[in-house]
Amino acid sequence: MRRSTKLVLLGVAAFLLYLIGSVGFLRIFLFLLSPVFVAIVVIISLFFVRTKDNKQKQKTSSEQNGQQQNAQQSETKETGKKQKETQEDKSEYGQVAGAIKAMTIAVMGIRNKEVKDHGFQVLKVVKDIAREHYKENNTCRDFSQFVQYYVPTLKKTLENYRLMESKGVITEKIQNDMISYLKSCNEAFTTLYRSMFSDDLMDIEIQMDAMNLTMKRNGLL
């Protein structure tokens, strides 16, 4: 029990003792049983109950407002984050698309047929990876490195090769090295492309294994 409540009860008890001493116990007892006293007690009780309810409503309303504000702030932050990610994706996609266009021009300008064919093979895989990531929302491991390092380096190498070939300074060794380089790029990028479907391929294997097991269990195999 709180100290203030104890003080109030002691004050009421002291007042009742004073009344009993000055007025008499019988009169006090009859007054406590009178309708006037009962009405006073009811009114006071209703006042305290209403005050408590109002405080509870204010507290509940304050908590609800706080929750709504927190939800709005979280939603605003999430929306801002998604917008930022979308803008970054658009900017990155523009860079990749520009690099693909430049590589296409470079490969088309290469005279050696074998180098050109391998260049177009690599370019096809690069386009497939970009399409799956930006259009189909699939991703692959090391995609950031693919965009920030592999694609720009490949672009620069193809452009330089085309330029040196046009000047007639490409040796047989450099030509063979370029073919080997493009084969390696094609193999590595194909691995990246296939990794974009690893979950789907795993689902296919699980479904086949589960169905084979069920057919064997039912005596069909």
Protein backbone atom coordinates (compact mmCIF):
# COMPACT_ATOMS: atom_id res chain seq x y z
CA MET A 1 0.00 0.00 0.00
CA ARG A 2 1.31 3.42 -0.95
CA ARG A 3 2.26 5.99 1.71
CA SER A 4 -0.30 8.53 0.45
CA THR A 5 -3.11 5.95 0.72
CA LYS A 6 -2.09 5.12 4.26
CA LEU A 7 -2.16 8.80 5.19
CA VAL A 8 -5.65 9.21 3.72
CA LEU A 9 -6.97 6.19 5.63
CA LEU A 10 -5.42 7.44 8.85
CA GLY A 11 -7.01 10.85 8.28
CA VAL A 12 -10.43 9.29 7.68
CA ALA A 13 -10.09 7.13 10.79
CA ALA A 14 -9.08 10.13 12.90
CA PHE A 15 -12.03 12.14 11.58
CA LEU A 16 -14.46 9.31 12.41
CA LEU A 17 -13.04 9.04 15.91
CA TYR A 18 -13.48 12.78 16.34
CA LEU A 19 -17.10 12.56 15.22
CA ILE A 20 -17.76 9.63 17.51
CA GLY A 21 -16.32 11.54 20.44
CA SER A 22 -18.23 14.73 19.74
CA VAL A 23 -21.52 13.54 18.22
CA GLY A 24 -21.92 10.04 19.53
CA PHE A 25 -21.50 6.55 18.06
CA LEU A 26 -25.20 5.92 17.47
CA ARG A 27 -25.69 9.06 15.40
CA ILE A 28 -22.59 8.30 13.33
CA PHE A 29 -23.84 4.77 12.72
CA LEU A 30 -27.27 6.00 11.61
CA PHE A 31 -25.64 8.57 9.32
CA LEU A 32 -23.55 5.87 7.64
CA LEU A 33 -26.74 3.93 6.90
CA SER A 34 -28.61 6.94 5.56
CA PRO A 35 -29.35 7.35 1.80
CA VAL A 36 -27.44 10.64 1.76
CA PHE A 37 -24.21 8.96 2.80
CA VAL A 38 -24.74 6.08 0.36
CA ALA A 39 -25.33 8.57 -2.46
CA ILE A 40 -22.16 10.45 -1.55
CA VAL A 41 -20.16 7.22 -1.58
CA VAL A 42 -21.60 6.20 -4.97
CA ILE A 43 -20.87 9.59 -6.50
CA ILE A 44 -17.29 9.56 -5.22
CA SER A 45 -16.81 5.98 -6.49
CA LEU A 46 -18.17 6.86 -9.94
CA PHE A 47 -15.88 9.88 -10.08
CA PHE A 48 -12.79 7.82 -9.35
CA VAL A 49 -13.86 5.07 -11.79
CA ARG A 50 -14.45 7.60 -14.59
CA THR A 51 -11.15 9.31 -13.87
CA LYS A 52 -9.36 5.95 -14.07
CA ASP A 53 -11.14 5.07 -17.33
CA ASN A 54 -10.20 8.42 -18.87
CA LYS A 55 -6.57 7.94 -17.91
CA GLN A 56 -6.63 4.43 -19.36
CA LYS A 57 -8.18 5.69 -22.62
CA GLN A 58 -5.58 8.45 -22.86
CA LYS A 59 -2.81 5.94 -22.29
CA THR A 60 -4.24 3.54 -24.88
CA SER A 61 -4.72 6.35 -27.40
CA SER A 62 -1.16 7.55 -26.80
CA GLU A 63 0.22 4.03 -27.32
CA GLN A 64 -1.81 3.58 -30.53
CA ASN A 65 -0.58 6.92 -31.87
CA GLY A 66 2.99 5.92 -31.05
CA GLN A 67 2.56 2.59 -32.82
CA GLN A 68 1.08 4.29 -35.89
CA GLN A 69 3.93 6.79 -36.00
CA ASN A 70 6.49 4.00 -35.70
CA ALA A 71 4.75 2.04 -38.45
CA GLN A 72 4.67 5.10 -40.71
CA GLN A 73 8.34 5.81 -40.06
CA SER A 74 9.26 2.18 -40.81
CA GLU A 75 7.18 2.24 -43.98
CA THR A 76 8.79 5.52 -45.07
CA LYS A 77 12.28 4.13 -44.47
CA GLU A 78 11.44 0.91 -46.35
CA THR A 79 10.00 2.86 -49.28
CA GLY A 80 13.06 5.11 -49.41
CA LYS A 81 15.34 2.07 -49.31
CA LYS A 82 13.47 0.38 -52.18
CA GLN A 83 13.53 3.57 -54.24
CA LYS A 84 17.27 3.91 -53.67
CA GLU A 85 17.84 0.28 -54.67
CA THR A 86 15.70 0.75 -57.79
CA GLN A 87 17.65 3.85 -58.79
CA GLU A 88 20.95 2.04 -58.25
CA ASP A 89 19.73 -0.93 -60.33
CA LYS A 90 18.68 1.39 -63.15
CA SER A 91 22.02 3.17 -63.11
CA GLU A 92 23.93 -0.12 -63.03
CA TYR A 93 21.75 -1.58 -65.80
CA GLY A 94 22.47 1.47 -67.93
CA GLN A 95 26.21 0.92 -67.50
CA VAL A 96 25.96 -2.79 -68.36
CA ALA A 97 23.75 -2.08 -71.38
CA GLY A 98 26.24 0.52 -72.61
CA ALA A 99 29.12 -1.93 -72.18
CA ILE A 100 27.22 -4.64 -74.09
CA LYS A 101 26.56 -2.21 -76.94
CA ALA A 102 30.23 -1.20 -77.08
CA MET A 103 31.36 -4.85 -77.03
CA THR A 104 28.94 -5.68 -79.86
CA ILE A 105 30.45 -2.92 -81.99
CA ALA A 106 33.98 -4.14 -81.17
CA VAL A 107 33.25 -7.79 -82.01
CA MET A 108 31.52 -6.86 -85.25
CA GLY A 109 34.65 -4.90 -86.25
CA ILE A 110 37.04 -7.84 -85.68
CA ARG A 111 38.25 -9.35 -88.95
CA ASN A 112 39.44 -12.77 -87.81
CA LYS A 113 36.46 -15.13 -88.04
CA GLU A 114 37.49 -17.45 -85.19
CA VAL A 115 38.07 -14.58 -82.78
CA LYS A 116 34.79 -12.98 -83.85
CA ASP A 117 32.82 -16.20 -83.33
CA HIS A 118 34.21 -16.70 -79.83
CA GLY A 119 33.54 -13.03 -79.10
CA PHE A 120 29.86 -13.39 -80.03
CA GLN A 121 29.58 -16.55 -77.90
CA VAL A 122 30.87 -14.69 -74.84
CA LEU A 123 28.68 -11.70 -75.63
CA LYS A 124 25.59 -13.92 -75.72
CA VAL A 125 26.29 -15.24 -72.22
CA VAL A 126 26.87 -11.70 -70.93
CA LYS A 127 23.50 -10.64 -72.36
CA ASP A 128 21.78 -13.68 -70.83
CA ILE A 129 23.19 -12.94 -67.36
CA ALA A 130 22.17 -9.28 -67.56
CA ARG A 131 18.67 -10.16 -68.77
CA GLU A 132 18.09 -12.72 -66.00
CA HIS A 133 19.31 -10.34 -63.30
CA TYR A 134 17.59 -7.12 -64.38
CA LYS A 135 14.49 -8.47 -66.13
CA GLU A 136 13.73 -11.76 -64.35
CA ASN A 137 15.11 -10.78 -60.92
CA ASN A 138 17.40 -13.80 -60.77
CA THR A 139 20.86 -13.38 -59.34
CA CYS A 140 24.18 -15.22 -59.33
CA ARG A 141 27.17 -15.34 -57.08
CA ASP A 142 29.81 -12.66 -57.66
CA PHE A 143 27.38 -10.60 -59.76
CA SER A 144 28.83 -7.34 -58.44
CA GLN A 145 32.29 -8.45 -59.54
CA PHE A 146 30.83 -9.50 -62.89
CA VAL A 147 29.44 -5.99 -63.40
CA GLN A 148 32.27 -3.96 -61.89
CA TYR A 149 35.27 -5.93 -63.16
CA TYR A 150 34.59 -8.72 -65.67
CA VAL A 151 32.37 -6.78 -68.08
CA PRO A 152 34.49 -3.57 -68.19
CA THR A 153 37.70 -5.57 -68.60
CA LEU A 154 36.24 -7.69 -71.39
CA LYS A 155 34.97 -4.57 -73.12
CA LYS A 156 38.35 -2.87 -72.96
CA THR A 157 40.16 -6.02 -74.19
CA LEU A 158 37.85 -6.43 -77.20
CA GLU A 159 38.11 -2.76 -78.12
CA ASN A 160 41.90 -2.82 -77.86
CA TYR A 161 42.13 -6.01 -79.92
CA ARG A 162 39.93 -4.56 -82.64
CA LEU A 163 42.01 -1.35 -82.70
CA MET A 164 45.35 -3.20 -82.92
CA GLU A 165 43.95 -5.53 -85.58
CA SER A 166 42.87 -2.54 -87.66
CA LYS A 167 46.45 -1.26 -87.47
CA GLY A 168 47.81 -4.63 -88.59
CA VAL A 169 49.97 -5.30 -85.53
CA ILE A 170 48.23 -8.43 -84.18
CA THR A 171 50.61 -11.40 -84.18
CA GLU A 172 49.61 -15.06 -84.38
CA LYS A 173 50.49 -15.49 -80.71
CA ILE A 174 48.24 -12.61 -79.62
CA GLN A 175 45.48 -13.99 -81.83
CA ASN A 176 45.73 -17.44 -80.20
CA ASP A 177 45.92 -15.87 -76.74
CA MET A 178 42.76 -13.88 -77.53
CA ILE A 179 40.93 -17.04 -78.60
CA SER A 180 42.03 -18.81 -75.39
CA TYR A 181 40.98 -15.77 -73.32
CA LEU A 182 37.51 -15.69 -74.90
CA LYS A 183 37.07 -19.44 -74.32
CA SER A 184 37.93 -18.96 -70.64
CA CYS A 185 35.48 -16.05 -70.36
CA ASN A 186 32.75 -18.12 -72.02
CA GLU A 187 33.33 -21.03 -69.61
CA ALA A 188 33.42 -18.80 -66.50
CA PHE A 189 30.38 -16.73 -67.51
CA THR A 190 28.42 -19.88 -68.37
CA THR A 191 29.11 -21.15 -64.85
CA LEU A 192 27.80 -17.86 -63.45
CA TYR A 193 24.72 -18.07 -65.66
CA ARG A 194 23.91 -21.63 -64.58
CA SER A 195 24.29 -20.67 -60.91
CA MET A 196 21.33 -18.33 -61.38
CA PHE A 197 19.11 -21.42 -61.69
CA SER A 198 20.71 -23.56 -58.97
CA ASP A 199 17.59 -23.52 -56.78
CA ASP A 200 15.32 -24.41 -59.70
CA LEU A 201 17.61 -27.26 -60.76
CA MET A 202 17.70 -28.55 -57.19
CA ASP A 203 13.89 -28.49 -57.05
CA ILE A 204 13.74 -30.58 -60.23
CA GLU A 205 16.12 -33.17 -58.76
CA ILE A 206 14.16 -33.32 -55.49
CA GLN A 207 10.85 -33.76 -57.33
CA MET A 208 12.26 -36.55 -59.52
CA ASP A 209 13.81 -38.38 -56.55
CA ALA A 210 10.61 -38.08 -54.51
CA MET A 211 8.42 -39.40 -57.33
CA ASN A 212 10.78 -42.31 -58.08
CA LEU A 213 10.77 -43.23 -54.39
CA THR A 214 6.95 -43.11 -54.26
CA MET A 215 6.61 -45.28 -57.38
CA LYS A 216 9.05 -47.85 -55.93
CA ARG A 217 7.19 -47.85 -52.61
CA ASN A 218 3.90 -48.52 -54.44
CA GLY A 219 5.45 -51.43 -56.34
CA LEU A 220 5.32 -49.70 -59.73
CA LEU A 221 9.07 -49.95 -60.28
